[in-house]
Amino acid sequence: MKKTLIIAALALASFSCGNSYVIQSLQEESVPHIPCNADHIEVIQHVIHDDGSATWQALCNGRTYSCSRLSGPDGAVNCSEMESQMPE
């Protein structure tokens, strides 16, 4: 029940693009998958879908990660490092 309320709150909050609760939640969900603390992760893009699934990009230590969360009670999160788009 609590997870359903959180998902509903996130979906509702997604209408406010800069909602700090949504950003903080995505930062915290990224932590186990990105080698940074939540307060060092910057969410630069996010989309939260009606079914509770979400996609976002996160920056940390000069690296960009593409993250997603599945819908449903487990809501598994996955993040993978993106290739650099700028020449080194």
Protein backbone atom coordinates (compact mmCIF):
# COMPACT_ATOMS: atom_id res chain seq x y z
CA MET A 1 0.00 0.00 0.00
CA LYS A 2 2.78 2.44 0.92
CA LYS A 3 4.65 1.78 -2.34
CA THR A 4 1.44 2.41 -4.29
CA LEU A 5 1.05 5.76 -2.56
CA ILE A 6 4.66 6.66 -3.29
CA ILE A 7 4.27 5.76 -6.96
CA ALA A 8 1.05 7.80 -7.16
CA ALA A 9 2.78 10.73 -5.46
CA LEU A 10 5.70 10.52 -7.88
CA ALA A 11 3.37 10.40 -10.87
CA LEU A 12 1.46 13.41 -9.59
CA ALA A 13 4.65 15.26 -8.76
CA SER A 14 6.02 14.64 -12.25
CA PHE A 15 3.74 17.41 -13.50
CA SER A 16 6.07 19.76 -11.68
CA CYS A 17 9.31 19.23 -13.58
CA GLY A 18 11.59 20.67 -10.91
CA ASN A 19 9.89 19.03 -7.92
CA SER A 20 12.64 18.51 -5.34
CA TYR A 21 10.92 15.43 -3.84
CA VAL A 22 10.97 13.66 -7.22
CA ILE A 23 14.61 14.60 -7.83
CA GLN A 24 15.65 13.47 -4.35
CA SER A 25 13.78 10.18 -4.75
CA LEU A 26 15.50 9.47 -8.09
CA GLN A 27 18.89 10.35 -6.59
CA GLU A 28 18.30 7.87 -3.77
CA GLU A 29 17.08 5.16 -6.15
CA SER A 30 20.28 5.62 -8.19
CA VAL A 31 22.66 5.12 -5.24
CA PRO A 32 22.96 1.31 -5.31
CA HIS A 33 23.70 1.45 -9.05
CA ILE A 34 26.02 4.47 -9.27
CA PRO A 35 29.24 4.81 -7.25
CA CYS A 36 28.20 8.09 -5.57
CA ASN A 37 26.26 9.34 -2.58
CA ALA A 38 22.77 10.68 -3.31
CA ASP A 39 23.84 14.25 -2.59
CA HIS A 40 26.53 13.99 -5.31
CA ILE A 41 24.12 12.76 -8.00
CA GLU A 42 22.53 15.34 -10.29
CA VAL A 43 19.38 14.22 -12.13
CA ILE A 44 19.37 16.09 -15.44
CA GLN A 45 16.37 14.53 -17.16
CA HIS A 46 13.48 12.51 -15.85
CA VAL A 47 10.18 11.13 -17.07
CA ILE A 48 7.75 9.40 -14.74
CA HIS A 49 5.07 7.42 -16.54
CA ASP A 50 1.46 6.86 -15.47
CA ASP A 51 2.20 3.23 -14.55
CA GLY A 52 4.92 4.27 -12.06
CA SER A 53 7.86 3.35 -14.28
CA ALA A 54 10.48 6.04 -14.82
CA THR A 55 13.55 6.94 -16.84
CA TRP A 56 16.22 9.49 -15.96
CA GLN A 57 19.80 10.49 -16.56
CA ALA A 58 22.11 11.08 -13.67
CA LEU A 59 25.48 12.83 -13.49
CA CYS A 60 28.17 11.86 -11.02
CA ASN A 61 31.92 12.48 -10.98
CA GLY A 62 31.88 13.63 -14.61
CA ARG A 63 30.07 10.53 -15.81
CA THR A 64 26.55 10.20 -17.16
CA TYR A 65 24.29 7.27 -16.31
CA SER A 66 21.04 6.21 -17.93
CA CYS A 67 18.63 4.87 -15.32
CA SER A 68 15.20 3.27 -15.42
CA ARG A 69 12.69 1.92 -12.94
CA LEU A 70 10.13 -0.73 -13.81
CA SER A 71 6.52 -0.39 -12.77
CA GLY A 72 4.96 -2.77 -10.30
CA PRO A 73 5.45 -3.63 -6.66
CA ASP A 74 9.17 -4.39 -6.99
CA GLY A 75 10.00 -1.44 -9.22
CA ALA A 76 13.48 -2.74 -10.07
CA VAL A 77 15.98 0.03 -10.88
CA ASN A 78 18.80 -0.29 -13.38
CA CYS A 79 21.50 2.25 -14.24
CA SER A 80 24.26 1.95 -16.81
CA GLU A 81 27.06 4.32 -17.68
CA MET A 82 26.61 6.07 -20.99
CA GLU A 83 29.46 6.50 -23.43
CA SER A 84 30.98 9.93 -23.50
CA GLN A 85 29.61 12.10 -26.28
CA MET A 86 32.49 14.53 -26.11
CA PRO A 87 35.99 13.81 -27.38
CA GLU A 88 38.59 13.46 -24.68
